[in-house]
Amino acid sequence: MTATPQDHPEDHLSDIADILAFYLEAGVDVAVGEAPVDRFAESAAEQARSRTQRPPAVPAPDMPPPPTAARPQASARPAPPAAPAPRSGTLSASAAGASALVTQPPDEAVMSAREAARNAESLDALRAILDGFEGCALKRTATRLVFADGNPKAKVMFVGEAPGRDEDQQGLPFVGRSGRLLDLMMAAIGLDRTSAYIANVIPWRPPGNRTPTPQETAVCLPFIKRQIELADPDILVCLGGPSAQALLATTEGITRLRGRFMDYESGTRTIRAIATFHPAYLLRTPLGKRLAWRDMLAVEAALANGH
């Protein structure tokens, strides 16, 4: 006898929970409607309706078979019929969606970002410029701009890669599970969000938390560089490989980059920079916390020495 979901309701609920968890990890975190829609039932009903509305077949009268026509040559084969033109409503909606996704050519977008970033005389001005910037397509899929959190006058600045779902909803960097771990890491060396400044290379959440493309990083890079220059920290901590590679202009992986101080040229002075593992990586790989702890101790020592 085959078991049904009614026989083991706890297994059925577990399956539903697994599906919802998969959707959440894929970035499907917003419901489109107030109630679920059974598309299979709609499709079956539509098929049944089409069968009932189909006119009955009329038998053809007895007629002599037509004469056999000569098979046309391949070159004389008629052209396939043209695709039917879409309805006017569909066309206008598609055109509107396409026009909304039009962005500048890559080189122009990067040049526009550099010019816009240079015009920012303060962090507030930079945030306002980012709010109005249209050169990055991520802005159109994100809920809100995630600019920064913490104290912009702090001596240490942490920079990650890009916001996640929680950050996108609240408009603040590192507020989800990764953010809670970052808070613990900072607290271990006597820091909190009143004594540190936190931002990301990418200020808008990529759809589904995917990795930002090189083009998206290139467009956003002038803004985070200007943000670092205006904040002017004594120590820059790059959280994760993508952040370190973008800011330190290197192709080395985080395992080789982490744990050693390097020079970061802000445009006005040289800042000491160090890379460490991203908190999200540490949540997936707890063994890396030992090395991250060493990196945080190096930051603490550098702050104590006045660097």
C-alpha atoms as a PDB file:
ATOM      1  CA  MET A   1       0.000   0.000   0.000  1.00  0.00           C
ATOM      2  CA  THR A   2       1.395   3.379  -1.046  1.00  0.00           C
ATOM      3  CA  ALA A   3       1.802   5.959   1.719  1.00  0.00           C
ATOM      4  CA  THR A   4       0.152   9.334   1.212  1.00  0.00           C
ATOM      5  CA  PRO A   5       0.987  12.738   2.753  1.00  0.00           C
ATOM      6  CA  GLN A   6      -2.005  12.217   5.062  1.00  0.00           C
ATOM      7  CA  ASP A   7      -0.352   9.110   6.516  1.00  0.00           C
ATOM      8  CA  HIS A   8       2.804  11.022   7.530  1.00  0.00           C
ATOM      9  CA  PRO A   9       1.932  14.746   7.734  1.00  0.00           C
ATOM     10  CA  GLU A  10       5.229  15.576   9.429  1.00  0.00           C
ATOM     11  CA  ASP A  11       7.156  14.321   6.367  1.00  0.00           C
ATOM     12  CA  HIS A  12       4.935  16.422   4.100  1.00  0.00           C
ATOM     13  CA  LEU A  13       5.597  19.541   6.176  1.00  0.00           C
ATOM     14  CA  SER A  14       9.318  18.806   6.147  1.00  0.00           C
ATOM     15  CA  ASP A  15       9.255  18.618   2.337  1.00  0.00           C
ATOM     16  CA  ILE A  16       7.467  21.964   2.165  1.00  0.00           C
ATOM     17  CA  ALA A  17      10.016  23.516   4.530  1.00  0.00           C
ATOM     18  CA  ASP A  18      12.881  22.209   2.358  1.00  0.00           C
ATOM     19  CA  ILE A  19      11.281  23.695  -0.767  1.00  0.00           C
ATOM     20  CA  LEU A  20      10.801  27.065   0.921  1.00  0.00           C
ATOM     21  CA  ALA A  21      14.415  27.016   2.113  1.00  0.00           C
ATOM     22  CA  PHE A  22      15.554  26.316  -1.465  1.00  0.00           C
ATOM     23  CA  TYR A  23      13.480  29.248  -2.744  1.00  0.00           C
ATOM     24  CA  LEU A  24      14.955  31.532  -0.079  1.00  0.00           C
ATOM     25  CA  GLU A  25      18.536  30.604  -0.967  1.00  0.00           C
ATOM     26  CA  ALA A  26      17.741  31.207  -4.642  1.00  0.00           C
ATOM     27  CA  GLY A  27      16.559  34.718  -3.832  1.00  0.00           C
ATOM     28  CA  VAL A  28      12.816  34.064  -4.108  1.00  0.00           C
ATOM     29  CA  ASP A  29      11.950  35.906  -0.931  1.00  0.00           C
ATOM     30  CA  VAL A  30       8.907  38.006  -1.885  1.00  0.00           C
ATOM     31  CA  ALA A  31       5.407  36.641  -2.558  1.00  0.00           C
ATOM     32  CA  VAL A  32       3.752  37.934  -5.723  1.00  0.00           C
ATOM     33  CA  GLY A  33       0.180  37.442  -4.526  1.00  0.00           C
ATOM     34  CA  GLU A  34      -1.693  37.197  -1.265  1.00  0.00           C
ATOM     35  CA  ALA A  35      -2.650  33.546  -1.850  1.00  0.00           C
ATOM     36  CA  PRO A  36      -0.950  30.651  -3.669  1.00  0.00           C
ATOM     37  CA  VAL A  37      -2.188  29.813  -7.166  1.00  0.00           C
ATOM     38  CA  ASP A  38      -2.481  26.241  -8.430  1.00  0.00           C
ATOM     39  CA  ARG A  39      -1.269  26.645 -12.021  1.00  0.00           C
ATOM     40  CA  PHE A  40      -1.712  22.916 -12.710  1.00  0.00           C
ATOM     41  CA  ALA A  41      -5.429  23.137 -11.865  1.00  0.00           C
ATOM     42  CA  GLU A  42      -5.781  26.247 -14.044  1.00  0.00           C
ATOM     43  CA  SER A  43      -4.102  24.478 -16.939  1.00  0.00           C
ATOM     44  CA  ALA A  44      -6.349  21.401 -16.579  1.00  0.00           C
ATOM     45  CA  ALA A  45      -9.454  23.575 -16.427  1.00  0.00           C
ATOM     46  CA  GLU A  46      -8.374  25.494 -19.517  1.00  0.00           C
ATOM     47  CA  GLN A  47      -7.818  22.267 -21.446  1.00  0.00           C
ATOM     48  CA  ALA A  48     -11.235  20.930 -20.406  1.00  0.00           C
ATOM     49  CA  ARG A  49     -12.880  24.203 -21.429  1.00  0.00           C
ATOM     50  CA  SER A  50     -11.218  24.148 -24.842  1.00  0.00           C
ATOM     51  CA  ARG A  51     -12.447  20.585 -25.422  1.00  0.00           C
ATOM     52  CA  THR A  52     -16.072  21.490 -24.621  1.00  0.00           C
ATOM     53  CA  GLN A  53     -15.983  24.583 -26.820  1.00  0.00           C
ATOM     54  CA  ARG A  54     -14.397  22.824 -29.802  1.00  0.00           C
ATOM     55  CA  PRO A  55     -17.009  22.438 -32.645  1.00  0.00           C
ATOM     56  CA  PRO A  56     -17.816  18.852 -33.645  1.00  0.00           C
ATOM     57  CA  ALA A  57     -16.026  17.516 -36.641  1.00  0.00           C
ATOM     58  CA  VAL A  58     -18.121  17.463 -39.837  1.00  0.00           C
ATOM     59  CA  PRO A  59     -17.497  14.444 -42.063  1.00  0.00           C
ATOM     60  CA  ALA A  60     -16.315  15.408 -45.520  1.00  0.00           C
ATOM     61  CA  PRO A  61     -18.491  14.351 -48.483  1.00  0.00           C
ATOM     62  CA  ASP A  62     -17.298  11.497 -50.644  1.00  0.00           C
ATOM     63  CA  MET A  63     -15.144  13.002 -53.343  1.00  0.00           C
ATOM     64  CA  PRO A  64     -12.709  11.473 -55.759  1.00  0.00           C
ATOM     65  CA  PRO A  65      -9.100  11.710 -54.643  1.00  0.00           C
ATOM     66  CA  PRO A  66      -7.288  14.726 -56.061  1.00  0.00           C
ATOM     67  CA  PRO A  67      -4.740  14.149 -58.778  1.00  0.00           C
ATOM     68  CA  THR A  68      -1.245  13.615 -57.538  1.00  0.00           C
ATOM     69  CA  ALA A  69       0.735  16.791 -57.959  1.00  0.00           C
ATOM     70  CA  ALA A  70       4.392  16.760 -58.835  1.00  0.00           C
ATOM     71  CA  ARG A  71       6.637  17.383 -55.843  1.00  0.00           C
ATOM     72  CA  PRO A  72       7.996  20.959 -56.054  1.00  0.00           C
ATOM     73  CA  GLN A  73      11.676  21.588 -56.244  1.00  0.00           C
ATOM     74  CA  ALA A  74      13.488  22.503 -53.022  1.00  0.00           C
ATOM     75  CA  SER A  75      14.198  25.983 -54.371  1.00  0.00           C
ATOM     76  CA  ALA A  76      10.469  26.563 -54.993  1.00  0.00           C
ATOM     77  CA  ARG A  77       9.491  25.662 -51.444  1.00  0.00           C
ATOM     78  CA  PRO A  78       7.300  28.472 -50.074  1.00  0.00           C
ATOM     79  CA  ALA A  79       8.678  30.618 -47.253  1.00  0.00           C
ATOM     80  CA  PRO A  80       7.323  29.879 -43.792  1.00  0.00           C
ATOM     81  CA  PRO A  81       4.510  32.166 -42.689  1.00  0.00           C
ATOM     82  CA  ALA A  82       5.565  35.215 -40.726  1.00  0.00           C
ATOM     83  CA  ALA A  83       5.048  35.115 -36.978  1.00  0.00           C
ATOM     84  CA  PRO A  84       1.836  36.855 -35.937  1.00  0.00           C
ATOM     85  CA  ALA A  85       2.316  40.340 -34.634  1.00  0.00           C
ATOM     86  CA  PRO A  86       1.854  40.632 -30.871  1.00  0.00           C
ATOM     87  CA  ARG A  87      -1.142  42.378 -29.492  1.00  0.00           C
ATOM     88  CA  SER A  88      -0.735  46.072 -28.873  1.00  0.00           C
ATOM     89  CA  GLY A  89      -0.972  45.685 -25.070  1.00  0.00           C
ATOM     90  CA  THR A  90       1.757  43.047 -25.024  1.00  0.00           C
ATOM     91  CA  LEU A  91       3.989  45.104 -27.266  1.00  0.00           C
ATOM     92  CA  SER A  92       3.719  48.221 -25.167  1.00  0.00           C
ATOM     93  CA  ALA A  93       4.434  46.303 -21.950  1.00  0.00           C
ATOM     94  CA  SER A  94       7.464  44.615 -23.472  1.00  0.00           C
ATOM     95  CA  ALA A  95       8.779  47.865 -24.864  1.00  0.00           C
ATOM     96  CA  ALA A  96       8.359  49.529 -21.510  1.00  0.00           C
ATOM     97  CA  GLY A  97      10.207  46.729 -19.729  1.00  0.00           C
ATOM     98  CA  ALA A  98      13.015  46.799 -22.269  1.00  0.00           C
ATOM     99  CA  SER A  99      13.419  50.553 -22.048  1.00  0.00           C
ATOM    100  CA  ALA A 100      13.553  50.327 -18.244  1.00  0.00           C
ATOM    101  CA  LEU A 101      16.527  47.967 -18.427  1.00  0.00           C
ATOM    102  CA  VAL A 102      18.528  50.061 -20.879  1.00  0.00           C
ATOM    103  CA  THR A 103      21.823  51.109 -19.327  1.00  0.00           C
ATOM    104  CA  GLN A 104      24.856  52.984 -20.531  1.00  0.00           C
ATOM    105  CA  PRO A 105      27.562  51.157 -22.465  1.00  0.00           C
ATOM    106  CA  PRO A 106      30.105  49.651 -20.038  1.00  0.00           C
ATOM    107  CA  ASP A 107      32.911  52.150 -20.660  1.00  0.00           C
ATOM    108  CA  GLU A 108      30.561  55.114 -20.471  1.00  0.00           C
ATOM    109  CA  ALA A 109      29.020  53.829 -17.236  1.00  0.00           C
ATOM    110  CA  VAL A 110      32.444  53.517 -15.587  1.00  0.00           C
ATOM    111  CA  MET A 111      33.488  56.992 -16.746  1.00  0.00           C
ATOM    112  CA  SER A 112      30.187  58.418 -15.543  1.00  0.00           C
ATOM    113  CA  ALA A 113      30.695  56.762 -12.131  1.00  0.00           C
ATOM    114  CA  ARG A 114      34.201  58.190 -11.814  1.00  0.00           C
ATOM    115  CA  GLU A 115      33.017  61.692 -12.643  1.00  0.00           C
ATOM    116  CA  ALA A 116      30.040  61.463 -10.292  1.00  0.00           C
ATOM    117  CA  ALA A 117      32.183  60.147  -7.429  1.00  0.00           C
ATOM    118  CA  ARG A 118      34.734  62.939  -7.872  1.00  0.00           C
ATOM    119  CA  ASN A 119      31.971  65.518  -7.482  1.00  0.00           C
ATOM    120  CA  ALA A 120      31.063  64.291  -3.979  1.00  0.00           C
ATOM    121  CA  GLU A 121      32.481  66.666  -1.377  1.00  0.00           C
ATOM    122  CA  SER A 122      31.092  64.736   1.603  1.00  0.00           C
ATOM    123  CA  LEU A 123      29.695  61.339   2.498  1.00  0.00           C
ATOM    124  CA  ASP A 124      26.162  62.747   2.494  1.00  0.00           C
ATOM    125  CA  ALA A 125      26.732  64.143  -0.981  1.00  0.00           C
ATOM    126  CA  LEU A 126      28.131  60.802  -2.134  1.00  0.00           C
ATOM    127  CA  ARG A 127      25.055  59.008  -0.844  1.00  0.00           C
ATOM    128  CA  ALA A 128      22.782  61.458  -2.674  1.00  0.00           C
ATOM    129  CA  ILE A 129      24.772  60.949  -5.884  1.00  0.00           C
ATOM    130  CA  LEU A 130      24.439  57.157  -5.568  1.00  0.00           C
ATOM    131  CA  ASP A 131      20.684  57.544  -5.023  1.00  0.00           C
ATOM    132  CA  GLY A 132      20.431  59.297  -8.379  1.00  0.00           C
ATOM    133  CA  PHE A 133      22.973  57.224 -10.287  1.00  0.00           C
ATOM    134  CA  GLU A 134      21.479  55.099 -13.097  1.00  0.00           C
ATOM    135  CA  GLY A 135      24.603  53.524 -14.543  1.00  0.00           C
ATOM    136  CA  CYS A 136      24.326  50.200 -12.667  1.00  0.00           C
ATOM    137  CA  ALA A 137      21.469  47.802 -13.468  1.00  0.00           C
ATOM    138  CA  LEU A 138      21.572  46.367  -9.928  1.00  0.00           C
ATOM    139  CA  LYS A 139      19.794  49.479  -8.723  1.00  0.00           C
ATOM    140  CA  ARG A 140      16.668  48.445 -10.646  1.00  0.00           C
ATOM    141  CA  THR A 141      16.411  45.037  -8.965  1.00  0.00           C
ATOM    142  CA  ALA A 142      17.360  46.089  -5.431  1.00  0.00           C
ATOM    143  CA  THR A 143      14.858  47.298  -2.857  1.00  0.00           C
ATOM    144  CA  ARG A 144      17.008  50.145  -1.579  1.00  0.00           C
ATOM    145  CA  LEU A 145      20.508  51.555  -1.505  1.00  0.00           C
ATOM    146  CA  VAL A 146      22.794  50.054   1.158  1.00  0.00           C
ATOM    147  CA  PHE A 147      25.317  52.826   1.748  1.00  0.00           C
ATOM    148  CA  ALA A 148      27.006  52.416   5.147  1.00  0.00           C
ATOM    149  CA  ASP A 149      26.591  51.950   8.873  1.00  0.00           C
ATOM    150  CA  GLY A 150      28.577  52.910  11.928  1.00  0.00           C
ATOM    151  CA  ASN A 151      30.750  55.918  12.655  1.00  0.00           C
ATOM    152  CA  PRO A 152      32.256  57.602   9.546  1.00  0.00           C
ATOM    153  CA  LYS A 153      34.909  59.210  11.780  1.00  0.00           C
ATOM    154  CA  ALA A 154      36.113  55.866  13.146  1.00  0.00           C
ATOM    155  CA  LYS A 155      39.751  54.811  12.788  1.00  0.00           C
ATOM    156  CA  VAL A 156      38.871  51.456  11.210  1.00  0.00           C
ATOM    157  CA  MET A 157      36.644  50.772   8.214  1.00  0.00           C
ATOM    158  CA  PHE A 158      35.299  47.343   7.192  1.00  0.00           C
ATOM    159  CA  VAL A 159      34.341  46.789   3.538  1.00  0.00           C
ATOM    160  CA  GLY A 160      32.511  43.702   2.289  1.00  0.00           C
ATOM    161  CA  GLU A 161      31.402  42.681  -1.192  1.00  0.00           C
ATOM    162  CA  ALA A 162      27.654  43.282  -1.586  1.00  0.00           C
ATOM    163  CA  PRO A 163      24.431  43.389   0.453  1.00  0.00           C
ATOM    164  CA  GLY A 164      22.254  40.334   1.037  1.00  0.00           C
ATOM    165  CA  ARG A 165      18.507  39.953   1.562  1.00  0.00           C
ATOM    166  CA  ASP A 166      18.397  41.370   5.098  1.00  0.00           C
ATOM    167  CA  GLU A 167      20.611  44.290   4.152  1.00  0.00           C
ATOM    168  CA  ASP A 168      18.464  45.032   1.112  1.00  0.00           C
ATOM    169  CA  GLN A 169      15.339  45.164   3.266  1.00  0.00           C
ATOM    170  CA  GLN A 170      16.826  47.381   5.981  1.00  0.00           C
ATOM    171  CA  GLY A 171      19.178  49.524   3.901  1.00  0.00           C
ATOM    172  CA  LEU A 172      22.142  48.820   6.220  1.00  0.00           C
ATOM    173  CA  PRO A 173      25.225  46.625   5.634  1.00  0.00           C
ATOM    174  CA  PHE A 174      25.853  43.465   7.649  1.00  0.00           C
ATOM    175  CA  VAL A 175      22.590  43.138   9.559  1.00  0.00           C
ATOM    176  CA  GLY A 176      21.833  39.458   8.896  1.00  0.00           C
ATOM    177  CA  ARG A 177      23.632  36.386  10.234  1.00  0.00           C
ATOM    178  CA  SER A 178      26.915  37.597   8.757  1.00  0.00           C
ATOM    179  CA  GLY A 179      26.398  40.949  10.428  1.00  0.00           C
ATOM    180  CA  ARG A 180      25.827  39.391  13.826  1.00  0.00           C
ATOM    181  CA  LEU A 181      29.060  37.446  13.459  1.00  0.00           C
ATOM    182  CA  LEU A 182      30.883  40.610  12.402  1.00  0.00           C
ATOM    183  CA  ASP A 183      29.567  42.341  15.529  1.00  0.00           C
ATOM    184  CA  LEU A 184      31.027  39.529  17.645  1.00  0.00           C
ATOM    185  CA  MET A 185      34.351  39.736  15.812  1.00  0.00           C
ATOM    186  CA  MET A 186      34.540  43.480  16.414  1.00  0.00           C
ATOM    187  CA  ALA A 187      33.477  43.140  20.061  1.00  0.00           C
ATOM    188  CA  ALA A 188      36.322  40.685  20.638  1.00  0.00           C
ATOM    189  CA  ILE A 189      38.818  43.514  20.017  1.00  0.00           C
ATOM    190  CA  GLY A 190      36.818  46.242  21.722  1.00  0.00           C
ATOM    191  CA  LEU A 191      34.960  47.643  18.703  1.00  0.00           C
ATOM    192  CA  ASP A 192      31.291  48.121  17.891  1.00  0.00           C
ATOM    193  CA  ARG A 193      29.277  50.083  15.351  1.00  0.00           C
ATOM    194  CA  THR A 194      29.971  53.339  17.150  1.00  0.00           C
ATOM    195  CA  SER A 195      33.736  52.861  16.791  1.00  0.00           C
ATOM    196  CA  ALA A 196      33.872  51.342  13.291  1.00  0.00           C
ATOM    197  CA  TYR A 197      32.587  52.270   9.826  1.00  0.00           C
ATOM    198  CA  ILE A 198      31.060  49.540   7.617  1.00  0.00           C
ATOM    199  CA  ALA A 199      30.283  49.510   3.880  1.00  0.00           C
ATOM    200  CA  ASN A 200      30.342  47.311   0.756  1.00  0.00           C
ATOM    201  CA  VAL A 201      32.019  47.542  -2.638  1.00  0.00           C
ATOM    202  CA  ILE A 202      28.576  47.073  -4.251  1.00  0.00           C
ATOM    203  CA  PRO A 203      25.825  49.199  -2.631  1.00  0.00           C
ATOM    204  CA  TRP A 204      22.901  47.305  -4.213  1.00  0.00           C
ATOM    205  CA  ARG A 205      21.931  43.671  -3.689  1.00  0.00           C
ATOM    206  CA  PRO A 206      22.527  41.427  -6.727  1.00  0.00           C
ATOM    207  CA  PRO A 207      19.419  39.349  -7.588  1.00  0.00           C
ATOM    208  CA  GLY A 208      19.349  36.092  -5.657  1.00  0.00           C
ATOM    209  CA  ASN A 209      22.569  37.033  -3.854  1.00  0.00           C
ATOM    210  CA  ARG A 210      24.544  36.077  -6.945  1.00  0.00           C
ATOM    211  CA  THR A 211      28.169  37.147  -7.384  1.00  0.00           C
ATOM    212  CA  PRO A 212      28.452  40.648  -8.895  1.00  0.00           C
ATOM    213  CA  THR A 213      29.782  40.698 -12.431  1.00  0.00           C
ATOM    214  CA  PRO A 214      33.145  42.350 -13.211  1.00  0.00           C
ATOM    215  CA  GLN A 215      31.241  45.122 -14.998  1.00  0.00           C
ATOM    216  CA  GLU A 216      29.046  45.792 -11.958  1.00  0.00           C
ATOM    217  CA  THR A 217      32.114  45.901  -9.723  1.00  0.00           C
ATOM    218  CA  ALA A 218      33.924  48.263 -12.104  1.00  0.00           C
ATOM    219  CA  VAL A 219      30.965  50.671 -12.123  1.00  0.00           C
ATOM    220  CA  CYS A 220      30.633  50.693  -8.320  1.00  0.00           C
ATOM    221  CA  LEU A 221      34.364  50.818  -7.562  1.00  0.00           C
ATOM    222  CA  PRO A 222      34.784  54.613  -7.960  1.00  0.00           C
ATOM    223  CA  PHE A 223      32.067  55.188  -5.357  1.00  0.00           C
ATOM    224  CA  ILE A 224      33.526  52.944  -2.646  1.00  0.00           C
ATOM    225  CA  LYS A 225      36.992  54.398  -3.307  1.00  0.00           C
ATOM    226  CA  ARG A 226      35.617  57.898  -2.852  1.00  0.00           C
ATOM    227  CA  GLN A 227      33.772  56.714   0.260  1.00  0.00           C
ATOM    228  CA  ILE A 228      37.037  55.435   1.747  1.00  0.00           C
ATOM    229  CA  GLU A 229      38.790  58.676   0.826  1.00  0.00           C
ATOM    230  CA  LEU A 230      36.095  60.796   2.498  1.00  0.00           C
ATOM    231  CA  ALA A 231      35.896  58.585   5.616  1.00  0.00           C
ATOM    232  CA  ASP A 232      39.723  58.555   5.790  1.00  0.00           C
ATOM    233  CA  PRO A 233      40.210  55.646   8.239  1.00  0.00           C
ATOM    234  CA  ASP A 234      43.592  54.671   9.632  1.00  0.00           C
ATOM    235  CA  ILE A 235      42.980  50.978   8.922  1.00  0.00           C
ATOM    236  CA  LEU A 236      40.984  49.390   6.099  1.00  0.00           C
ATOM    237  CA  VAL A 237      39.735  45.814   6.628  1.00  0.00           C
ATOM    238  CA  CYS A 238      38.639  44.001   3.452  1.00  0.00           C
ATOM    239  CA  LEU A 239      36.096  41.308   4.272  1.00  0.00           C
ATOM    240  CA  GLY A 240      36.445  38.477   1.759  1.00  0.00           C
ATOM    241  CA  GLY A 241      38.352  37.878  -1.434  1.00  0.00           C
ATOM    242  CA  PRO A 242      36.184  39.935  -3.842  1.00  0.00           C
ATOM    243  CA  SER A 243      36.468  43.032  -1.650  1.00  0.00           C
ATOM    244  CA  ALA A 244      40.233  42.649  -1.263  1.00  0.00           C
ATOM    245  CA  GLN A 245      40.776  41.977  -4.961  1.00  0.00           C
ATOM    246  CA  ALA A 246      38.709  44.991  -6.005  1.00  0.00           C
ATOM    247  CA  LEU A 247      40.234  47.472  -3.547  1.00  0.00           C
ATOM    248  CA  LEU A 248      43.813  46.202  -3.519  1.00  0.00           C
ATOM    249  CA  ALA A 249      43.969  45.555  -7.285  1.00  0.00           C
ATOM    250  CA  THR A 250      45.190  41.978  -6.969  1.00  0.00           C
ATOM    251  CA  THR A 251      44.200  38.578  -8.286  1.00  0.00           C
ATOM    252  CA  GLU A 252      45.434  36.622  -5.269  1.00  0.00           C
ATOM    253  CA  GLY A 253      42.899  34.580  -3.335  1.00  0.00           C
ATOM    254  CA  ILE A 254      41.817  35.444   0.174  1.00  0.00           C
ATOM    255  CA  THR A 255      43.782  32.546   1.695  1.00  0.00           C
ATOM    256  CA  ARG A 256      47.047  34.092   0.496  1.00  0.00           C
ATOM    257  CA  LEU A 257      45.971  37.715   0.995  1.00  0.00           C
ATOM    258  CA  ARG A 258      44.696  37.514   4.547  1.00  0.00           C
ATOM    259  CA  GLY A 259      46.710  38.268   7.640  1.00  0.00           C
ATOM    260  CA  ARG A 260      49.237  40.758   6.237  1.00  0.00           C
ATOM    261  CA  PHE A 261      49.115  44.516   6.019  1.00  0.00           C
ATOM    262  CA  MET A 262      49.373  46.225   2.653  1.00  0.00           C
ATOM    263  CA  ASP A 263      49.302  49.822   1.502  1.00  0.00           C
ATOM    264  CA  TYR A 264      46.094  51.285   0.128  1.00  0.00           C
ATOM    265  CA  GLU A 265      46.387  54.610  -1.697  1.00  0.00           C
ATOM    266  CA  SER A 266      43.242  56.602  -1.022  1.00  0.00           C
ATOM    267  CA  GLY A 267      44.206  59.530  -3.217  1.00  0.00           C
ATOM    268  CA  THR A 268      45.095  61.756  -0.294  1.00  0.00           C
ATOM    269  CA  ARG A 269      47.286  59.459   1.812  1.00  0.00           C
ATOM    270  CA  THR A 270      48.421  55.867   2.344  1.00  0.00           C
ATOM    271  CA  ILE A 271      46.148  53.714   4.514  1.00  0.00           C
ATOM    272  CA  ARG A 272      47.135  50.402   6.066  1.00  0.00           C
ATOM    273  CA  ALA A 273      44.905  47.644   4.697  1.00  0.00           C
ATOM    274  CA  ILE A 274      44.420  44.034   5.741  1.00  0.00           C
ATOM    275  CA  ALA A 275      42.179  41.297   4.363  1.00  0.00           C
ATOM    276  CA  THR A 276      40.378  38.586   6.278  1.00  0.00           C
ATOM    277  CA  PHE A 277      37.655  36.028   5.657  1.00  0.00           C
ATOM    278  CA  HIS A 278      34.121  37.240   5.079  1.00  0.00           C
ATOM    279  CA  PRO A 279      31.760  36.419   7.977  1.00  0.00           C
ATOM    280  CA  ALA A 280      29.509  34.492   5.575  1.00  0.00           C
ATOM    281  CA  TYR A 281      32.450  32.229   4.735  1.00  0.00           C
ATOM    282  CA  LEU A 282      33.138  31.713   8.433  1.00  0.00           C
ATOM    283  CA  LEU A 283      29.522  30.651   8.980  1.00  0.00           C
ATOM    284  CA  ARG A 284      29.982  27.972   6.314  1.00  0.00           C
ATOM    285  CA  THR A 285      33.549  27.078   7.342  1.00  0.00           C
ATOM    286  CA  PRO A 286      33.954  27.434  11.113  1.00  0.00           C
ATOM    287  CA  LEU A 287      37.553  26.191  10.953  1.00  0.00           C
ATOM    288  CA  GLY A 288      38.486  29.521   9.364  1.00  0.00           C
ATOM    289  CA  LYS A 289      37.556  31.413  12.543  1.00  0.00           C
ATOM    290  CA  ARG A 290      40.963  30.628  14.050  1.00  0.00           C
ATOM    291  CA  LEU A 291      42.725  32.488  11.227  1.00  0.00           C
ATOM    292  CA  ALA A 292      40.188  35.311  11.271  1.00  0.00           C
ATOM    293  CA  TRP A 293      40.831  35.730  14.996  1.00  0.00           C
ATOM    294  CA  ARG A 294      44.519  36.229  14.261  1.00  0.00           C
ATOM    295  CA  ASP A 295      43.624  38.882  11.697  1.00  0.00           C
ATOM    296  CA  MET A 296      41.422  40.723  14.188  1.00  0.00           C
ATOM    297  CA  LEU A 297      44.230  40.641  16.741  1.00  0.00           C
ATOM    298  CA  ALA A 298      46.505  42.234  14.132  1.00  0.00           C
ATOM    299  CA  VAL A 299      43.918  44.996  13.668  1.00  0.00           C
ATOM    300  CA  GLU A 300      43.738  45.504  17.433  1.00  0.00           C
ATOM    301  CA  ALA A 301      47.528  45.759  17.674  1.00  0.00           C
ATOM    302  CA  ALA A 302      47.685  48.252  14.813  1.00  0.00           C
ATOM    303  CA  LEU A 303      45.030  50.436  16.461  1.00  0.00           C
ATOM    304  CA  ALA A 304      46.896  50.283  19.746  1.00  0.00           C
ATOM    305  CA  ASN A 305      50.083  51.432  18.009  1.00  0.00           C
ATOM    306  CA  GLY A 306      48.277  54.403  16.534  1.00  0.00           C
ATOM    307  CA  HIS A 307      48.311  53.194  12.925  1.00  0.00           C
END
